[in-house]
Amino acid sequence: MTRWRPRRPWPAGLVAFARALRIHFQPEVTIESELKNILTPAELQMLAKSQHRPVRAIHAISQIIQSVPMSSIHQQQMSNNLTFFHDVLGGCERLLRAPIPVSYTRHTARFLFAWLTLLPFALYGSCGVSVIPVCSGIAAVLCGIEEIGVQCEEPFGILPLDVICNRIQADVMATLKDDADTKTILAEAGLISLRANSAMAVENALPDLDSINAAAPNGNGSHNGNGAAVPVSVSAGASGNGMNVRISPR
């Protein structure tokens, strides 16, 4: 298996969280065998020695989000997604740590055993010898329902979590590839450079606005020699490549 290491660290963190969550509930495999082709040795050692690996993976993704320069809106959206990860982890923990009481399961099993034991005597008068296959079929159905209830109580033993993790990793890789292809198309169309120039023009104009507003008594605009406030208006150019600042005296 070839090593998959994305250029950006948080896609690997997403896959690491999914794998760590799977191992947390199905410890048949080790974290090293699952993530050796995804994380670096230092990252793998940091995750392996953690007592709660899914939480450690979420914390690592959170640190990556805080260290990457992005707008506050995007940062808030990604933080909300991490909160959803915590909610998913908490829901799975409740399923695993708070099962149906053992006394309820034992009582159900004992009642079912006693009822199936007395059932042949109740049906012998009407069914005769055929009571044996009839009672065997009823017992198989009712015992199957009881077994399904036990599996629903702890579903992590039967769920194909490995297949789900493979699907998540494939989706992350496909998303990265689609993002690279989209950027290539935008670069060929000249849209990426246009957007970069617009953002640079906005950043260059904002400090001037701050200095003008800082000189105003009420912080809402500049002022003229008579002490009257001078409103400041900002408008984008027609081409989107720059920004015009107009000061309109009263």
C-alpha atoms as a PDB file:
ATOM      1  CA  MET A   1       0.000   0.000   0.000  1.00  0.00           C
ATOM      2  CA  THR A   2       1.473   3.320  -0.992  1.00  0.00           C
ATOM      3  CA  ARG A   3       1.813   6.129   1.477  1.00  0.00           C
ATOM      4  CA  TRP A   4      -0.907   8.748   1.252  1.00  0.00           C
ATOM      5  CA  ARG A   5       0.140  12.093   2.685  1.00  0.00           C
ATOM      6  CA  PRO A   6      -1.945  15.118   1.638  1.00  0.00           C
ATOM      7  CA  ARG A   7      -0.336  18.482   1.132  1.00  0.00           C
ATOM      8  CA  ARG A   8      -2.550  20.036   3.781  1.00  0.00           C
ATOM      9  CA  PRO A   9      -2.585  18.539   7.298  1.00  0.00           C
ATOM     10  CA  TRP A  10      -6.286  18.636   8.165  1.00  0.00           C
ATOM     11  CA  PRO A  11      -7.418  16.052   5.558  1.00  0.00           C
ATOM     12  CA  ALA A  12      -5.081  13.572   7.218  1.00  0.00           C
ATOM     13  CA  GLY A  13      -6.546  14.625  10.560  1.00  0.00           C
ATOM     14  CA  LEU A  14     -10.065  13.840   9.353  1.00  0.00           C
ATOM     15  CA  VAL A  15      -9.038  10.353   8.245  1.00  0.00           C
ATOM     16  CA  ALA A  16      -7.115   9.855  11.499  1.00  0.00           C
ATOM     17  CA  PHE A  17     -10.215  10.793  13.514  1.00  0.00           C
ATOM     18  CA  ALA A  18     -12.359   8.285  11.618  1.00  0.00           C
ATOM     19  CA  ARG A  19      -9.792   5.502  12.048  1.00  0.00           C
ATOM     20  CA  ALA A  20      -9.232   6.328  15.727  1.00  0.00           C
ATOM     21  CA  LEU A  21     -12.980   6.319  16.341  1.00  0.00           C
ATOM     22  CA  ARG A  22     -13.295   2.927  14.680  1.00  0.00           C
ATOM     23  CA  ILE A  23     -10.467   1.427  16.759  1.00  0.00           C
ATOM     24  CA  HIS A  24     -11.970   2.958  19.908  1.00  0.00           C
ATOM     25  CA  PHE A  25     -15.085   0.814  19.449  1.00  0.00           C
ATOM     26  CA  GLN A  26     -13.570  -2.128  17.552  1.00  0.00           C
ATOM     27  CA  PRO A  27     -10.089  -2.741  19.009  1.00  0.00           C
ATOM     28  CA  GLU A  28      -9.355  -5.702  16.767  1.00  0.00           C
ATOM     29  CA  VAL A  29      -6.572  -3.811  14.991  1.00  0.00           C
ATOM     30  CA  THR A  30      -3.886  -1.399  16.172  1.00  0.00           C
ATOM     31  CA  ILE A  31      -3.688   2.303  15.492  1.00  0.00           C
ATOM     32  CA  GLU A  32      -0.230   1.859  13.968  1.00  0.00           C
ATOM     33  CA  SER A  33      -1.432  -0.552  11.290  1.00  0.00           C
ATOM     34  CA  GLU A  34      -4.378   1.671  10.389  1.00  0.00           C
ATOM     35  CA  LEU A  35      -2.577   5.030  10.168  1.00  0.00           C
ATOM     36  CA  LYS A  36       1.009   4.186   9.210  1.00  0.00           C
ATOM     37  CA  ASN A  37       0.316   5.196   5.600  1.00  0.00           C
ATOM     38  CA  ILE A  38      -1.518   8.394   6.562  1.00  0.00           C
ATOM     39  CA  LEU A  39       0.327  10.100   9.432  1.00  0.00           C
ATOM     40  CA  THR A  40       3.988  10.847   9.945  1.00  0.00           C
ATOM     41  CA  PRO A  41       5.856   8.789  12.585  1.00  0.00           C
ATOM     42  CA  ALA A  42       5.774  11.702  15.042  1.00  0.00           C
ATOM     43  CA  GLU A  43       2.043  12.242  14.561  1.00  0.00           C
ATOM     44  CA  LEU A  44       1.381   8.519  14.832  1.00  0.00           C
ATOM     45  CA  GLN A  45       3.352   8.266  18.074  1.00  0.00           C
ATOM     46  CA  MET A  46       1.512  11.274  19.531  1.00  0.00           C
ATOM     47  CA  LEU A  47      -1.850   9.697  18.718  1.00  0.00           C
ATOM     48  CA  ALA A  48      -0.882   6.195  19.838  1.00  0.00           C
ATOM     49  CA  LYS A  49       0.200   7.237  23.343  1.00  0.00           C
ATOM     50  CA  SER A  50      -2.993   9.223  23.974  1.00  0.00           C
ATOM     51  CA  GLN A  51      -5.513   7.740  26.390  1.00  0.00           C
ATOM     52  CA  HIS A  52      -8.505   8.891  24.306  1.00  0.00           C
ATOM     53  CA  ARG A  53      -7.424   8.908  20.673  1.00  0.00           C
ATOM     54  CA  PRO A  54     -10.581  10.310  19.009  1.00  0.00           C
ATOM     55  CA  VAL A  55     -10.532  13.333  21.333  1.00  0.00           C
ATOM     56  CA  ARG A  56      -6.813  13.804  20.666  1.00  0.00           C
ATOM     57  CA  ALA A  57      -7.455  13.752  16.918  1.00  0.00           C
ATOM     58  CA  ILE A  58     -10.193  16.386  17.267  1.00  0.00           C
ATOM     59  CA  HIS A  59      -7.879  18.553  19.369  1.00  0.00           C
ATOM     60  CA  ALA A  60      -5.142  18.289  16.740  1.00  0.00           C
ATOM     61  CA  ILE A  61      -7.569  19.346  13.993  1.00  0.00           C
ATOM     62  CA  SER A  62      -8.665  22.282  16.158  1.00  0.00           C
ATOM     63  CA  GLN A  63      -5.060  23.438  16.562  1.00  0.00           C
ATOM     64  CA  ILE A  64      -4.531  23.182  12.800  1.00  0.00           C
ATOM     65  CA  ILE A  65      -7.627  25.318  12.158  1.00  0.00           C
ATOM     66  CA  GLN A  66      -6.414  27.985  14.581  1.00  0.00           C
ATOM     67  CA  SER A  67      -2.954  28.098  13.023  1.00  0.00           C
ATOM     68  CA  VAL A  68      -4.107  28.372   9.397  1.00  0.00           C
ATOM     69  CA  PRO A  69      -4.834  31.918   8.147  1.00  0.00           C
ATOM     70  CA  MET A  70      -8.496  32.106   7.161  1.00  0.00           C
ATOM     71  CA  SER A  71     -11.477  34.353   7.619  1.00  0.00           C
ATOM     72  CA  SER A  72     -13.319  34.312  10.931  1.00  0.00           C
ATOM     73  CA  ILE A  73     -16.476  33.040   9.227  1.00  0.00           C
ATOM     74  CA  HIS A  74     -14.730  29.990   7.781  1.00  0.00           C
ATOM     75  CA  GLN A  75     -12.962  29.357  11.061  1.00  0.00           C
ATOM     76  CA  GLN A  76     -16.289  29.450  12.886  1.00  0.00           C
ATOM     77  CA  GLN A  77     -17.833  27.036  10.385  1.00  0.00           C
ATOM     78  CA  MET A  78     -14.991  24.556  10.823  1.00  0.00           C
ATOM     79  CA  SER A  79     -15.241  24.889  14.603  1.00  0.00           C
ATOM     80  CA  ASN A  80     -18.940  24.018  14.342  1.00  0.00           C
ATOM     81  CA  ASN A  81     -18.002  20.922  12.349  1.00  0.00           C
ATOM     82  CA  LEU A  82     -15.609  19.883  15.124  1.00  0.00           C
ATOM     83  CA  THR A  83     -18.426  20.366  17.621  1.00  0.00           C
ATOM     84  CA  PHE A  84     -20.465  17.942  15.515  1.00  0.00           C
ATOM     85  CA  PHE A  85     -17.575  15.459  15.743  1.00  0.00           C
ATOM     86  CA  HIS A  86     -17.736  15.759  19.537  1.00  0.00           C
ATOM     87  CA  ASP A  87     -21.488  15.136  19.452  1.00  0.00           C
ATOM     88  CA  VAL A  88     -21.020  12.004  17.318  1.00  0.00           C
ATOM     89  CA  LEU A  89     -18.334  10.734  19.678  1.00  0.00           C
ATOM     90  CA  GLY A  90     -20.558  11.396  22.701  1.00  0.00           C
ATOM     91  CA  GLY A  91     -23.489   9.556  21.127  1.00  0.00           C
ATOM     92  CA  CYS A  92     -21.341   6.511  20.363  1.00  0.00           C
ATOM     93  CA  GLU A  93     -19.927   6.581  23.899  1.00  0.00           C
ATOM     94  CA  ARG A  94     -23.435   6.552  25.357  1.00  0.00           C
ATOM     95  CA  LEU A  95     -24.346   3.524  23.270  1.00  0.00           C
ATOM     96  CA  LEU A  96     -21.239   1.682  24.433  1.00  0.00           C
ATOM     97  CA  ARG A  97     -21.039   2.780  28.076  1.00  0.00           C
ATOM     98  CA  ALA A  98     -24.757   2.841  28.938  1.00  0.00           C
ATOM     99  CA  PRO A  99     -26.243  -0.448  27.674  1.00  0.00           C
ATOM    100  CA  ILE A 100     -29.587  -1.967  28.658  1.00  0.00           C
ATOM    101  CA  PRO A 101     -29.498  -3.136  32.301  1.00  0.00           C
ATOM    102  CA  VAL A 102     -28.324  -6.708  32.729  1.00  0.00           C
ATOM    103  CA  SER A 103     -31.325  -7.557  34.932  1.00  0.00           C
ATOM    104  CA  TYR A 104     -33.674  -6.677  32.055  1.00  0.00           C
ATOM    105  CA  THR A 105     -31.808  -8.934  29.631  1.00  0.00           C
ATOM    106  CA  ARG A 106     -31.701 -11.807  32.138  1.00  0.00           C
ATOM    107  CA  HIS A 107     -35.372 -11.459  32.974  1.00  0.00           C
ATOM    108  CA  THR A 108     -36.314 -11.554  29.283  1.00  0.00           C
ATOM    109  CA  ALA A 109     -34.152 -14.626  28.664  1.00  0.00           C
ATOM    110  CA  ARG A 110     -35.542 -16.495  31.671  1.00  0.00           C
ATOM    111  CA  PHE A 111     -39.149 -15.729  30.767  1.00  0.00           C
ATOM    112  CA  LEU A 112     -38.575 -16.821  27.171  1.00  0.00           C
ATOM    113  CA  PHE A 113     -36.950 -20.078  28.321  1.00  0.00           C
ATOM    114  CA  ALA A 114     -39.822 -20.910  30.681  1.00  0.00           C
ATOM    115  CA  TRP A 115     -42.479 -20.055  28.081  1.00  0.00           C
ATOM    116  CA  LEU A 116     -40.830 -22.218  25.378  1.00  0.00           C
ATOM    117  CA  THR A 117     -40.448 -25.080  27.862  1.00  0.00           C
ATOM    118  CA  LEU A 118     -44.183 -25.133  28.693  1.00  0.00           C
ATOM    119  CA  LEU A 119     -45.324 -24.479  25.090  1.00  0.00           C
ATOM    120  CA  PRO A 120     -45.127 -28.148  23.915  1.00  0.00           C
ATOM    121  CA  PHE A 121     -47.427 -29.292  26.741  1.00  0.00           C
ATOM    122  CA  ALA A 122     -49.978 -26.643  25.778  1.00  0.00           C
ATOM    123  CA  LEU A 123     -49.939 -27.557  22.079  1.00  0.00           C
ATOM    124  CA  TYR A 124     -49.711 -31.349  22.365  1.00  0.00           C
ATOM    125  CA  GLY A 125     -53.458 -31.864  22.607  1.00  0.00           C
ATOM    126  CA  SER A 126     -54.150 -30.003  19.344  1.00  0.00           C
ATOM    127  CA  CYS A 127     -50.976 -30.720  17.343  1.00  0.00           C
ATOM    128  CA  GLY A 128     -50.026 -34.183  18.458  1.00  0.00           C
ATOM    129  CA  VAL A 129     -46.642 -35.334  17.196  1.00  0.00           C
ATOM    130  CA  SER A 130     -46.231 -32.267  15.015  1.00  0.00           C
ATOM    131  CA  VAL A 131     -45.799 -30.207  18.179  1.00  0.00           C
ATOM    132  CA  ILE A 132     -42.034 -30.807  17.913  1.00  0.00           C
ATOM    133  CA  PRO A 133     -41.435 -28.949  14.613  1.00  0.00           C
ATOM    134  CA  VAL A 134     -44.007 -26.288  15.550  1.00  0.00           C
ATOM    135  CA  CYS A 135     -42.322 -25.520  18.871  1.00  0.00           C
ATOM    136  CA  SER A 136     -38.893 -25.654  17.242  1.00  0.00           C
ATOM    137  CA  GLY A 137     -39.924 -23.034  14.684  1.00  0.00           C
ATOM    138  CA  ILE A 138     -41.470 -20.770  17.323  1.00  0.00           C
ATOM    139  CA  ALA A 139     -38.367 -21.098  19.504  1.00  0.00           C
ATOM    140  CA  ALA A 140     -36.073 -20.220  16.584  1.00  0.00           C
ATOM    141  CA  VAL A 141     -38.089 -17.102  15.763  1.00  0.00           C
ATOM    142  CA  LEU A 142     -38.324 -15.822  19.329  1.00  0.00           C
ATOM    143  CA  CYS A 143     -34.684 -16.585  20.151  1.00  0.00           C
ATOM    144  CA  GLY A 144     -33.647 -14.800  16.946  1.00  0.00           C
ATOM    145  CA  ILE A 145     -35.594 -11.704  18.018  1.00  0.00           C
ATOM    146  CA  GLU A 146     -33.881 -11.781  21.411  1.00  0.00           C
ATOM    147  CA  GLU A 147     -30.456 -12.060  19.756  1.00  0.00           C
ATOM    148  CA  ILE A 148     -31.229  -9.132  17.468  1.00  0.00           C
ATOM    149  CA  GLY A 149     -32.124  -7.077  20.546  1.00  0.00           C
ATOM    150  CA  VAL A 150     -28.741  -7.864  22.099  1.00  0.00           C
ATOM    151  CA  GLN A 151     -26.960  -6.807  18.903  1.00  0.00           C
ATOM    152  CA  CYS A 152     -28.935  -3.558  18.747  1.00  0.00           C
ATOM    153  CA  GLU A 153     -27.858  -2.916  22.327  1.00  0.00           C
ATOM    154  CA  GLU A 154     -24.175  -3.012  21.271  1.00  0.00           C
ATOM    155  CA  PRO A 155     -24.058  -2.495  17.485  1.00  0.00           C
ATOM    156  CA  PHE A 156     -20.331  -1.835  17.195  1.00  0.00           C
ATOM    157  CA  GLY A 157     -19.536  -5.533  17.081  1.00  0.00           C
ATOM    158  CA  ILE A 158     -21.453  -6.066  13.839  1.00  0.00           C
ATOM    159  CA  LEU A 159     -21.227  -2.717  12.034  1.00  0.00           C
ATOM    160  CA  PRO A 160     -18.795  -2.608   9.055  1.00  0.00           C
ATOM    161  CA  LEU A 161     -16.794   0.313  10.471  1.00  0.00           C
ATOM    162  CA  ASP A 162     -13.735  -0.556   8.390  1.00  0.00           C
ATOM    163  CA  VAL A 163     -15.758  -0.178   5.184  1.00  0.00           C
ATOM    164  CA  ILE A 164     -17.112   3.157   6.438  1.00  0.00           C
ATOM    165  CA  CYS A 165     -13.580   4.404   7.206  1.00  0.00           C
ATOM    166  CA  ASN A 166     -12.383   3.374   3.754  1.00  0.00           C
ATOM    167  CA  ARG A 167     -15.279   5.319   2.228  1.00  0.00           C
ATOM    168  CA  ILE A 168     -14.386   8.408   4.276  1.00  0.00           C
ATOM    169  CA  GLN A 169     -10.742   8.227   3.202  1.00  0.00           C
ATOM    170  CA  ALA A 170     -11.729   7.796  -0.439  1.00  0.00           C
ATOM    171  CA  ASP A 171     -14.081  10.793  -0.211  1.00  0.00           C
ATOM    172  CA  VAL A 172     -11.350  12.971   1.322  1.00  0.00           C
ATOM    173  CA  MET A 173      -8.899  12.023  -1.422  1.00  0.00           C
ATOM    174  CA  ALA A 174     -11.531  12.681  -4.097  1.00  0.00           C
ATOM    175  CA  THR A 175     -12.303  16.088  -2.571  1.00  0.00           C
ATOM    176  CA  LEU A 176      -8.620  17.090  -2.645  1.00  0.00           C
ATOM    177  CA  LYS A 177      -8.317  15.983  -6.254  1.00  0.00           C
ATOM    178  CA  ASP A 178     -11.466  17.882  -7.258  1.00  0.00           C
ATOM    179  CA  ASP A 179     -10.200  20.990  -5.467  1.00  0.00           C
ATOM    180  CA  ALA A 180      -6.909  20.854  -7.360  1.00  0.00           C
ATOM    181  CA  ASP A 181      -8.724  20.396 -10.679  1.00  0.00           C
ATOM    182  CA  THR A 182     -11.051  23.318  -9.896  1.00  0.00           C
ATOM    183  CA  LYS A 183      -8.137  25.604  -9.090  1.00  0.00           C
ATOM    184  CA  THR A 184      -6.443  24.598 -12.337  1.00  0.00           C
ATOM    185  CA  ILE A 185      -9.555  25.517 -14.331  1.00  0.00           C
ATOM    186  CA  LEU A 186      -9.913  28.830 -12.485  1.00  0.00           C
ATOM    187  CA  ALA A 187      -6.254  29.635 -13.095  1.00  0.00           C
ATOM    188  CA  GLU A 188      -6.633  28.970 -16.807  1.00  0.00           C
ATOM    189  CA  ALA A 189      -9.657  31.291 -16.855  1.00  0.00           C
ATOM    190  CA  GLY A 190      -7.756  33.983 -14.942  1.00  0.00           C
ATOM    191  CA  LEU A 191     -10.279  34.055 -12.085  1.00  0.00           C
ATOM    192  CA  ILE A 192      -7.835  33.201  -9.317  1.00  0.00           C
ATOM    193  CA  SER A 193      -5.521  36.118 -10.101  1.00  0.00           C
ATOM    194  CA  LEU A 194      -8.531  38.437 -10.388  1.00  0.00           C
ATOM    195  CA  ARG A 195      -9.772  37.404  -6.977  1.00  0.00           C
ATOM    196  CA  ALA A 196      -6.302  37.801  -5.474  1.00  0.00           C
ATOM    197  CA  ASN A 197      -5.986  41.333  -6.882  1.00  0.00           C
ATOM    198  CA  SER A 198      -9.379  42.302  -5.461  1.00  0.00           C
ATOM    199  CA  ALA A 199      -8.471  40.989  -2.025  1.00  0.00           C
ATOM    200  CA  MET A 200      -5.148  42.850  -2.125  1.00  0.00           C
ATOM    201  CA  ALA A 201      -6.884  46.089  -3.074  1.00  0.00           C
ATOM    202  CA  VAL A 202      -9.301  45.738  -0.170  1.00  0.00           C
ATOM    203  CA  GLU A 203      -6.474  45.067   2.284  1.00  0.00           C
ATOM    204  CA  ASN A 204      -4.569  48.113   1.045  1.00  0.00           C
ATOM    205  CA  ALA A 205      -7.602  50.368   1.401  1.00  0.00           C
ATOM    206  CA  LEU A 206      -8.653  49.282   4.883  1.00  0.00           C
ATOM    207  CA  PRO A 207      -5.756  50.910   6.829  1.00  0.00           C
ATOM    208  CA  ASP A 208      -6.597  54.279   5.204  1.00  0.00           C
ATOM    209  CA  LEU A 209     -10.183  53.938   6.343  1.00  0.00           C
ATOM    210  CA  ASP A 210      -9.070  53.098   9.848  1.00  0.00           C
ATOM    211  CA  SER A 211      -6.881  56.181  10.056  1.00  0.00           C
ATOM    212  CA  ILE A 212      -9.713  58.391   8.744  1.00  0.00           C
ATOM    213  CA  ASN A 213     -12.239  56.973  11.154  1.00  0.00           C
ATOM    214  CA  ALA A 214      -9.797  57.164  14.057  1.00  0.00           C
ATOM    215  CA  ALA A 215      -9.465  60.918  13.484  1.00  0.00           C
ATOM    216  CA  ALA A 216     -13.236  61.440  13.740  1.00  0.00           C
ATOM    217  CA  PRO A 217     -14.676  62.436  17.135  1.00  0.00           C
ATOM    218  CA  ASN A 218     -17.433  59.833  17.052  1.00  0.00           C
ATOM    219  CA  GLY A 219     -15.546  57.165  15.094  1.00  0.00           C
ATOM    220  CA  ASN A 220     -18.000  57.268  12.198  1.00  0.00           C
ATOM    221  CA  GLY A 221     -16.044  59.509   9.790  1.00  0.00           C
ATOM    222  CA  SER A 222     -13.586  62.350   9.429  1.00  0.00           C
ATOM    223  CA  HIS A 223     -14.238  65.982  10.240  1.00  0.00           C
ATOM    224  CA  ASN A 224     -13.562  69.269   8.541  1.00  0.00           C
ATOM    225  CA  GLY A 225     -12.191  72.415   9.917  1.00  0.00           C
ATOM    226  CA  ASN A 226     -15.571  73.452  11.355  1.00  0.00           C
ATOM    227  CA  GLY A 227     -15.833  70.308  13.410  1.00  0.00           C
ATOM    228  CA  ALA A 228     -18.539  68.812  11.230  1.00  0.00           C
ATOM    229  CA  ALA A 229     -18.352  65.134  10.518  1.00  0.00           C
ATOM    230  CA  VAL A 230     -17.362  64.122   7.010  1.00  0.00           C
ATOM    231  CA  PRO A 231     -18.941  60.867   5.888  1.00  0.00           C
ATOM    232  CA  VAL A 232     -16.697  58.357   4.226  1.00  0.00           C
ATOM    233  CA  SER A 233     -18.110  56.078   1.552  1.00  0.00           C
ATOM    234  CA  VAL A 234     -16.469  53.013   0.066  1.00  0.00           C
ATOM    235  CA  SER A 235     -17.355  51.570  -3.327  1.00  0.00           C
ATOM    236  CA  ALA A 236     -15.832  48.819  -5.431  1.00  0.00           C
ATOM    237  CA  GLY A 237     -14.687  49.560  -8.943  1.00  0.00           C
ATOM    238  CA  ALA A 238     -16.618  48.346 -11.931  1.00  0.00           C
ATOM    239  CA  SER A 239     -14.036  45.719 -12.789  1.00  0.00           C
ATOM    240  CA  GLY A 240     -13.732  44.438  -9.207  1.00  0.00           C
ATOM    241  CA  ASN A 241      -9.964  45.006  -9.255  1.00  0.00           C
ATOM    242  CA  GLY A 242      -9.838  47.950  -6.901  1.00  0.00           C
ATOM    243  CA  MET A 243     -11.638  50.073  -4.351  1.00  0.00           C
ATOM    244  CA  ASN A 244     -12.531  53.759  -4.450  1.00  0.00           C
ATOM    245  CA  VAL A 245     -12.730  55.797  -1.256  1.00  0.00           C
ATOM    246  CA  ARG A 246     -14.799  58.969  -1.483  1.00  0.00           C
ATOM    247  CA  ILE A 247     -14.913  61.656   1.203  1.00  0.00           C
ATOM    248  CA  SER A 248     -17.982  63.825   0.846  1.00  0.00           C
ATOM    249  CA  PRO A 249     -17.790  67.090   2.847  1.00  0.00           C
ATOM    250  CA  ARG A 250     -20.998  68.696   4.013  1.00  0.00           C
END
